[in-house]
Protein backbone atom coordinates (compact mmCIF):
# COMPACT_ATOMS: atom_id res chain seq x y z
CA MET A 1 261.11 -12.39 75.56
CA ILE A 2 257.94 -12.18 73.44
CA ASN A 3 258.24 -11.18 69.78
CA LYS A 4 256.12 -8.01 69.44
CA GLN A 5 255.81 -8.31 65.68
CA GLU A 6 254.48 -11.83 66.03
CA VAL A 7 251.84 -10.61 68.49
CA LEU A 8 250.87 -7.77 66.16
CA ASP A 9 250.65 -9.97 63.08
CA ARG A 10 248.57 -12.58 64.88
CA PHE A 11 246.19 -9.97 66.25
CA ILE A 12 245.71 -8.34 62.82
CA SER A 13 245.00 -11.74 61.26
CA TYR A 14 242.23 -12.39 63.80
CA ILE A 15 240.52 -8.99 63.69
CA SER A 16 240.43 -9.12 59.88
CA ILE A 17 237.75 -11.83 60.21
CA ASP A 18 234.24 -10.54 60.94
CA THR A 19 232.82 -12.57 63.84
CA GLN A 20 229.92 -10.46 65.13
CA SER A 21 227.32 -12.43 67.06
CA ASN A 22 223.57 -11.95 66.64
CA PRO A 23 221.20 -11.83 69.66
CA GLU A 24 218.20 -12.54 67.42
CA SER A 25 219.57 -15.90 66.27
CA GLU A 26 218.80 -19.10 68.16
CA THR A 27 221.70 -21.14 66.75
CA THR A 28 225.13 -21.72 68.32
CA PRO A 29 227.18 -20.00 67.15
CA SER A 30 224.65 -17.30 66.42
CA THR A 31 226.33 -16.40 63.12
CA GLU A 32 227.91 -18.68 60.51
CA LYS A 33 230.89 -16.36 60.10
CA GLN A 34 232.15 -17.22 63.58
CA TRP A 35 233.04 -20.67 62.21
CA ILE A 36 235.72 -19.09 60.01
CA LEU A 37 237.85 -17.96 62.93
CA ALA A 38 236.99 -21.04 65.01
CA ASN A 39 238.32 -23.30 62.25
CA LYS A 40 241.39 -21.12 61.75
CA LEU A 41 242.24 -21.35 65.46
CA THR A 42 241.77 -25.12 65.40
CA LYS A 43 244.27 -25.46 62.56
CA GLU A 44 246.75 -23.12 64.25
CA LEU A 45 246.58 -25.07 67.50
CA GLU A 46 247.23 -28.30 65.64
CA GLY A 47 250.03 -26.71 63.66
CA MET A 48 251.91 -25.45 66.70
CA GLY A 49 251.80 -28.87 68.37
CA MET A 50 249.00 -28.59 70.93
CA GLN A 51 247.36 -31.88 71.93
CA GLU A 52 243.72 -32.99 72.16
CA VAL A 53 242.68 -30.21 69.77
CA SER A 54 238.93 -30.29 69.13
CA ILE A 55 236.09 -28.20 67.78
CA ASP A 56 232.57 -29.31 68.69
CA GLU A 57 229.22 -28.89 66.97
CA ASN A 58 228.77 -25.47 68.62
CA ALA A 59 232.21 -24.13 67.58
CA TYR A 60 233.84 -24.39 71.02
CA VAL A 61 237.56 -24.88 70.39
CA MET A 62 239.61 -26.71 73.04
CA ALA A 63 243.22 -27.88 73.27
CA THR A 64 245.75 -29.17 75.80
CA LEU A 65 249.40 -28.39 76.47
CA PRO A 66 250.64 -31.45 78.41
CA SER A 67 252.69 -31.09 81.57
CA ASN A 68 256.48 -31.20 81.23
CA ILE A 69 257.21 -31.92 84.91
CA ASN A 70 257.21 -35.15 86.89
CA LYS A 71 254.75 -34.18 89.59
CA ASP A 72 251.05 -33.52 89.92
CA THR A 73 249.99 -29.89 89.74
CA PRO A 74 246.54 -28.38 89.34
CA VAL A 75 245.31 -28.25 85.75
CA ILE A 76 244.63 -24.63 84.81
CA GLY A 77 242.90 -23.15 81.80
CA PHE A 78 242.75 -19.94 79.77
CA VAL A 79 239.57 -18.85 78.00
CA SER A 80 238.70 -16.14 75.47
CA HIS A 81 235.79 -15.53 73.10
CA PHE A 82 236.08 -15.01 69.36
CA ASP A 83 232.80 -13.24 68.66
CA THR A 84 232.63 -9.46 68.57
CA SER A 85 229.85 -7.16 69.70
CA PRO A 86 226.76 -6.56 67.54
CA ASP A 87 226.52 -3.04 69.01
CA PHE A 88 228.63 -1.44 66.26
CA ASN A 89 229.91 -2.24 62.78
CA GLY A 90 232.40 -5.11 62.84
CA THR A 91 232.86 -5.53 59.10
CA ASN A 92 235.86 -4.47 57.01
CA ILE A 93 238.06 -3.57 59.99
CA LYS A 94 241.06 -1.48 58.93
CA PRO A 95 243.41 -1.08 61.88
CA GLN A 96 245.82 1.81 62.21
CA ILE A 97 249.23 1.27 63.84
CA ILE A 98 250.57 4.28 65.70
CA GLU A 99 254.17 3.68 66.69
CA ASN A 100 255.87 5.71 69.43
CA TYR A 101 252.57 7.36 70.39
CA ASP A 102 253.16 10.99 71.38
CA GLY A 103 250.45 11.28 74.06
CA GLY A 104 248.14 13.54 72.06
CA ASP A 105 244.98 13.11 70.01
CA ILE A 106 244.86 10.39 67.36
CA VAL A 107 243.04 11.11 64.09
CA LEU A 108 241.01 8.03 63.28
CA ASN A 109 239.29 9.42 60.21
CA ALA A 110 240.22 12.84 58.85
CA GLU A 111 237.41 12.86 56.28
CA LYS A 112 234.74 12.34 58.95
CA ASN A 113 236.65 14.29 61.62
CA ILE A 114 236.68 11.35 64.02
CA ILE A 115 239.27 11.96 66.73
CA LEU A 116 240.43 9.68 69.53
CA SER A 117 240.86 12.47 72.09
CA SER A 118 243.48 12.04 74.81
CA GLU A 119 241.57 14.55 76.94
CA TYR A 120 238.24 12.76 76.72
CA PHE A 121 239.78 9.27 76.78
CA ASP A 122 242.51 10.16 79.25
CA ASP A 123 243.66 6.53 79.73
CA LEU A 124 245.49 7.04 76.44
CA LYS A 125 248.12 9.23 78.06
CA GLN A 126 249.58 6.38 80.10
CA TYR A 127 250.68 4.70 76.86
CA LYS A 128 252.91 7.50 75.58
CA GLY A 129 255.86 6.04 73.69
CA GLN A 130 254.09 2.74 72.98
CA THR A 131 252.52 1.26 69.85
CA ILE A 132 248.76 1.87 69.73
CA ILE A 133 246.41 -0.09 67.48
CA THR A 134 243.21 1.80 66.64
CA THR A 135 240.28 1.65 64.23
CA ASP A 136 239.85 3.87 61.17
CA GLY A 137 236.68 5.29 62.70
CA ASN A 138 234.31 3.10 60.69
CA SER A 139 234.18 -0.02 62.85
CA LEU A 140 235.03 -1.49 66.20
CA LEU A 141 238.50 -3.00 66.52
CA GLY A 142 237.78 -6.45 67.93
CA ALA A 143 240.32 -6.36 70.76
CA ASP A 144 237.36 -7.61 72.79
CA ASP A 145 238.33 -10.38 72.74
CA LYS A 146 240.72 -11.16 69.94
CA ALA A 147 243.45 -9.57 72.03
CA GLY A 148 242.81 -12.32 74.59
CA ILE A 149 242.96 -15.01 71.91
CA THR A 150 246.21 -13.54 70.57
CA GLU A 151 247.76 -13.64 74.04
CA ILE A 152 246.73 -17.22 74.78
CA MET A 153 247.87 -18.49 71.38
CA THR A 154 251.20 -16.68 71.62
CA ALA A 155 251.81 -17.94 75.17
CA MET A 156 251.09 -21.56 74.20
CA LYS A 157 253.41 -21.34 71.20
CA TYR A 158 256.14 -19.81 73.36
CA LEU A 159 255.87 -22.56 75.97
CA LEU A 160 256.02 -25.21 73.26
CA GLU A 161 259.17 -23.61 71.88
CA HIS A 162 260.77 -23.20 75.33
CA PRO A 163 260.52 -26.55 77.14
CA GLU A 164 263.01 -25.25 79.74
CA ILE A 165 260.04 -23.35 81.24
CA LYS A 166 258.42 -25.94 83.50
CA HIS A 167 254.63 -26.08 83.70
CA GLY A 168 251.79 -28.41 84.55
CA THR A 169 248.95 -29.34 82.19
CA LEU A 170 247.36 -26.30 80.56
CA LYS A 171 243.99 -26.11 78.83
CA VAL A 172 242.72 -23.48 76.40
CA CYS A 173 239.23 -22.80 75.11
CA PHE A 174 237.86 -20.27 72.63
CA THR A 175 234.13 -19.69 72.71
CA PRO A 176 231.38 -18.16 70.53
CA ASP A 177 228.61 -15.72 71.45
CA GLU A 178 230.01 -14.19 74.65
CA GLU A 179 228.88 -10.74 73.56
CA ILE A 180 225.24 -11.83 73.57
CA GLY A 181 225.50 -13.54 76.94
CA ARG A 182 225.76 -17.14 75.71
CA GLY A 183 229.51 -17.76 75.76
CA ALA A 184 229.37 -20.31 78.55
CA HIS A 185 225.96 -21.82 77.81
CA LYS A 186 227.32 -24.88 76.00
CA PHE A 187 230.81 -24.94 77.52
CA ASP A 188 231.67 -28.53 78.42
CA VAL A 189 233.37 -28.05 81.81
CA SER A 190 233.91 -31.77 82.29
CA LYS A 191 235.61 -32.15 78.91
CA PHE A 192 237.76 -29.08 79.58
CA GLY A 193 239.08 -30.77 82.70
CA ALA A 194 240.69 -27.83 84.49
CA HIS A 195 240.66 -27.19 88.25
CA TRP A 196 240.24 -23.49 87.53
CA ALA A 197 240.73 -21.08 84.62
CA TYR A 198 241.24 -17.43 83.74
CA THR A 199 239.30 -15.49 81.14
CA MET A 200 241.65 -13.16 79.27
CA ASP A 201 238.92 -10.61 78.70
CA GLY A 202 239.64 -7.60 80.91
CA SER A 203 240.48 -4.09 79.78
CA GLN A 204 243.51 -2.02 80.74
CA ILE A 205 246.84 -3.48 81.72
CA GLY A 206 246.87 -4.80 85.30
CA GLU A 207 243.17 -5.53 85.69
CA LEU A 208 242.42 -8.60 87.78
CA GLU A 209 238.79 -9.20 88.61
CA TYR A 210 236.89 -11.80 90.60
CA GLU A 211 233.68 -9.87 91.27
CA ASN A 212 230.96 -8.98 88.79
CA PHE A 213 227.39 -7.76 88.88
CA ASN A 214 224.42 -9.88 89.80
CA ALA A 215 222.24 -9.33 86.76
CA ALA A 216 218.61 -9.55 85.71
CA SER A 217 216.43 -8.23 82.90
CA ALA A 218 212.96 -6.76 83.40
CA LYS A 219 210.28 -6.46 80.75
CA VAL A 220 207.59 -4.00 81.78
CA LYS A 221 204.41 -4.20 79.70
CA VAL A 222 202.04 -1.25 80.03
CA SER A 223 198.51 -1.59 78.61
CA GLY A 224 196.25 1.28 77.56
CA LYS A 225 193.06 1.83 75.56
CA SER A 226 193.14 3.42 72.14
CA VAL A 227 190.11 5.55 71.25
CA HIS A 228 189.66 8.14 68.51
CA PRO A 229 191.19 11.29 70.04
CA GLY A 230 188.17 13.38 69.10
CA TYR A 231 185.96 11.20 71.28
CA ALA A 232 188.46 10.12 73.93
CA LYS A 233 187.11 11.99 76.96
CA ASP A 234 187.04 9.58 79.95
CA LYS A 235 187.68 6.67 77.59
CA MET A 236 191.26 6.78 76.28
CA VAL A 237 194.05 5.39 78.46
CA ASN A 238 197.45 6.33 77.01
CA SER A 239 199.96 3.62 77.89
CA MET A 240 202.88 5.96 77.18
CA TYR A 241 201.84 8.31 79.99
CA ILE A 242 201.56 5.41 82.43
CA ALA A 243 204.99 4.21 81.28
CA GLN A 244 206.33 7.70 81.96
CA ASP A 245 204.99 7.46 85.53
CA PHE A 246 206.77 4.13 85.92
CA ILE A 247 210.07 5.50 84.62
CA ASN A 248 209.94 8.59 86.81
CA SER A 249 209.14 6.55 89.92
CA LEU A 250 212.46 4.70 89.91
CA PRO A 251 215.46 6.41 91.59
CA ARG A 252 216.76 8.82 88.95
CA LEU A 253 220.35 8.81 90.21
CA GLU A 254 220.57 5.01 90.34
CA THR A 255 221.30 4.74 86.63
CA PRO A 256 224.54 3.84 84.80
CA GLU A 257 225.54 7.45 84.13
CA HIS A 258 225.40 8.29 87.86
CA THR A 259 227.01 5.21 89.41
CA GLU A 260 230.47 3.68 89.74
CA GLY A 261 232.46 1.07 91.68
CA ARG A 262 230.12 -1.31 93.47
CA GLN A 263 227.05 0.89 93.08
CA GLY A 264 224.16 -0.86 91.36
CA PHE A 265 221.60 0.59 88.98
CA PHE A 266 218.40 0.32 86.96
CA HIS A 267 219.02 0.86 83.25
CA LEU A 268 216.19 1.59 80.83
CA SER A 269 217.73 0.10 77.69
CA ASN A 270 214.78 0.27 75.30
CA ILE A 271 211.30 1.76 75.03
CA ASN A 272 208.74 1.03 72.33
CA GLY A 273 205.14 2.07 72.49
CA ASP A 274 201.93 3.66 71.33
CA VAL A 275 198.63 4.51 72.99
CA GLU A 276 197.52 0.90 73.26
CA GLU A 277 200.74 -0.67 74.56
CA THR A 278 204.23 0.37 75.69
CA ILE A 279 207.11 -2.00 76.43
CA LEU A 280 209.99 -0.93 78.68
CA GLN A 281 213.14 -3.06 78.74
CA TYR A 282 215.32 -2.71 81.84
CA ILE A 283 218.48 -4.33 83.07
CA ILE A 284 219.03 -4.54 86.83
CA ARG A 285 222.56 -4.72 88.25
CA ASP A 286 224.16 -4.86 91.71
CA HIS A 287 227.26 -6.48 93.20
CA ASP A 288 225.59 -6.99 96.59
CA LYS A 289 223.18 -9.94 96.56
CA LYS A 290 220.76 -8.41 99.10
CA HIS A 291 220.67 -5.09 97.25
CA PHE A 292 220.14 -6.96 93.99
CA GLU A 293 217.12 -8.80 95.38
CA ALA A 294 215.80 -5.51 96.76
CA ARG A 295 216.09 -3.91 93.32
CA LYS A 296 214.09 -6.70 91.72
CA LYS A 297 211.44 -6.37 94.42
CA MET A 298 211.30 -2.59 93.96
CA ILE A 299 210.54 -2.88 90.26
CA GLN A 300 207.89 -5.56 90.90
CA ASP A 301 206.27 -3.53 93.69
CA LEU A 302 206.22 -0.43 91.50
CA GLY A 303 204.18 -2.29 88.91
CA VAL A 304 201.66 -3.28 91.58
CA GLU A 305 201.48 0.27 92.95
CA ILE A 306 200.81 1.85 89.56
CA CYS A 307 198.05 -0.68 88.91
CA LYS A 308 196.45 0.48 92.17
CA GLN A 309 196.74 4.12 91.14
CA TYR A 310 195.00 3.50 87.82
CA GLU A 311 192.60 0.95 89.30
CA SER A 312 193.38 -1.56 86.57
CA GLU A 313 195.83 -4.31 85.68
CA CYS A 314 197.65 -1.92 83.38
CA VAL A 315 201.23 -2.95 84.25
CA THR A 316 202.87 -6.38 84.23
CA VAL A 317 206.53 -6.97 85.12
CA GLU A 318 208.52 -10.01 83.97
CA ILE A 319 211.95 -10.43 85.56
CA LYS A 320 214.57 -12.94 84.42
CA ASP A 321 217.85 -13.58 86.23
CA GLN A 322 220.85 -13.47 83.88
CA TYR A 323 224.01 -14.18 85.91
CA ARG A 324 225.41 -13.94 89.42
CA ASN A 325 228.44 -12.50 91.15
CA MET A 326 231.26 -15.03 90.84
CA ARG A 327 232.85 -13.73 94.04
CA GLU A 328 230.93 -16.26 96.15
CA LYS A 329 232.52 -19.10 94.17
CA ILE A 330 236.04 -17.68 94.04
CA GLU A 331 236.46 -16.38 97.60
CA PRO A 332 236.78 -19.91 99.05
CA MET A 333 239.83 -20.44 96.81
CA MET A 334 241.48 -17.04 96.71
CA HIS A 335 244.85 -18.63 95.99
CA ILE A 336 243.90 -18.60 92.30
CA VAL A 337 243.62 -14.81 92.43
CA GLU A 338 246.85 -14.57 94.41
CA LEU A 339 248.61 -16.69 91.79
CA ALA A 340 247.60 -14.28 89.03
CA LYS A 341 248.57 -11.30 91.19
CA GLU A 342 252.01 -12.80 91.86
CA ALA A 343 252.48 -13.50 88.14
CA MET A 344 251.68 -9.89 87.25
CA GLU A 345 254.11 -8.54 89.81
CA ALA A 346 256.81 -10.93 88.56
CA VAL A 347 256.59 -9.44 85.05
CA LYS A 348 256.43 -5.87 86.40
CA VAL A 349 252.70 -5.27 85.95
CA LYS A 350 250.91 -3.51 88.81
CA PRO A 351 247.73 -5.47 89.66
CA ILE A 352 244.49 -3.48 89.63
CA ILE A 353 242.00 -5.58 91.58
CA LYS A 354 238.48 -4.23 91.19
CA PRO A 355 234.92 -5.40 90.56
CA ILE A 356 233.67 -5.75 87.01
CA ARG A 357 230.84 -3.38 86.22
CA GLY A 358 229.38 -5.92 83.86
CA GLY A 359 229.36 -9.63 83.25
CA THR A 360 231.86 -12.19 82.09
CA ASP A 361 231.85 -15.78 80.94
CA GLY A 362 233.86 -16.38 84.09
CA SER A 363 230.75 -15.73 86.15
CA GLN A 364 228.74 -18.48 84.51
CA LEU A 365 231.72 -20.82 84.40
CA SER A 366 232.35 -20.30 88.12
CA PHE A 367 228.81 -21.43 88.89
CA MET A 368 229.24 -24.35 86.48
CA GLY A 369 232.14 -25.65 88.57
CA LEU A 370 235.07 -23.87 86.90
CA PRO A 371 236.20 -20.94 89.10
CA CYS A 372 237.33 -18.31 86.64
CA PRO A 373 238.76 -14.86 87.52
CA ASN A 374 239.27 -12.33 84.72
CA ILE A 375 242.65 -10.96 83.60
CA PHE A 376 243.36 -7.92 81.43
CA ALA A 377 243.65 -8.35 77.67
CA GLY A 378 244.71 -4.73 77.21
CA GLY A 379 241.98 -3.09 75.13
CA HIS A 380 240.01 0.09 75.85
CA ASN A 381 236.68 1.59 74.71
CA PHE A 382 235.17 -1.72 73.62
CA HIS A 383 232.18 -2.01 71.27
CA GLY A 384 232.75 1.16 69.28
CA LYS A 385 234.88 3.15 66.87
CA TYR A 386 237.13 4.53 69.65
CA GLU A 387 238.35 1.05 70.63
CA TYR A 388 242.12 0.69 70.84
CA VAL A 389 244.77 -1.59 72.32
CA PRO A 390 248.45 -0.93 73.12
CA LEU A 391 250.68 -3.63 71.65
CA GLU A 392 252.81 -3.63 74.79
CA SER A 393 249.77 -4.49 76.92
CA MET A 394 249.14 -7.59 74.81
CA VAL A 395 252.78 -8.57 75.19
CA LYS A 396 252.54 -8.18 78.99
CA ALA A 397 249.32 -10.22 79.12
CA THR A 398 251.13 -12.97 77.22
CA GLU A 399 253.94 -12.84 79.77
CA VAL A 400 251.41 -13.09 82.61
CA ILE A 401 249.96 -16.30 81.13
CA ILE A 402 253.41 -17.83 80.86
CA LYS A 403 254.33 -16.79 84.39
CA ILE A 404 251.08 -18.20 85.85
CA ALA A 405 251.95 -21.55 84.23
CA GLU A 406 255.49 -21.36 85.59
CA LEU A 407 254.49 -20.39 89.13
CA ASN A 408 251.79 -23.06 89.24
CA ALA A 409 254.48 -25.68 88.55
CA ARG A 410 256.03 -24.97 91.97
């Protein structure tokens, strides 16, 4: 049904454009280079015959595929982001195409001895016999989320070329800066005009997600007193030692490397300090709202307790909420999840319904009035040199989009 070579060629054309976002920038998009792909997508949408194609002042690209049936159906949308993560090199991406993958290790870079191990990354084994797209070991791949864009674009083109497939009105949107948490910040939900949407931004084939973490950041500032060490007796207060007390007082096993499923955590993501001042940066995550609030309270209370121990205002804690669990917005309309599940089963994909151990634009969009579950785009090992995507997974994701449109027309 779907032309695999067309999917591959489209994907390669997108990942060849560097679109890394920058968390230090205050502009939208956060990097000028994101405009290159945004403009390319706009032209492609126009060229294939999509309607109401637009790109706004913040590089949000939107388009409409009008209904081809004579009855009212819900308007549904599909969303992906075109920026890539700033966590690893995203420049000069040179993909490798491994056809008829044999199930073993894949050499990404022989010179640097970089190996994509099928023992360490055991998800690889399920794709034996398929076509695997990898990096050359020097960059990320960009399947997060250019695989999603590829799938949406291919599905829209297919529907335009096959008017015998009946569907209601479909909307698409491609966004900047998702990787730095701003993908939905300037999303015009009213302009988009969909009753609900799906982000094509999940990982392995079959993933279907409508739960994500509640999320907050915590900045812990620890103050000390710097005195010449030769004369420091009863005078010096070393902020790094106080910070160490703070770190050790949080539950050691409630960290990312010791948790899974719906288990929440405290994650110390950065530490920077000297005798006079130490800054700890934490992220706080939990699927359960009550547990999430308890975690925030625990970290605040710990700051107060350490101040009491040292008999000074040596610790301040600043907590900022980041996003919430979209489950509370999607549960009242679970038919949108069931529709995606039915579409997967219809194209012979086994649905894997599980909570996201992270965030998604769909979370923010759900609270902005656009309920938005997340569907697999097919990639694995995002944000690093071991990232890969099976071509067949992208083809299946494209089929799922088409089938959702078709089933919705009932």
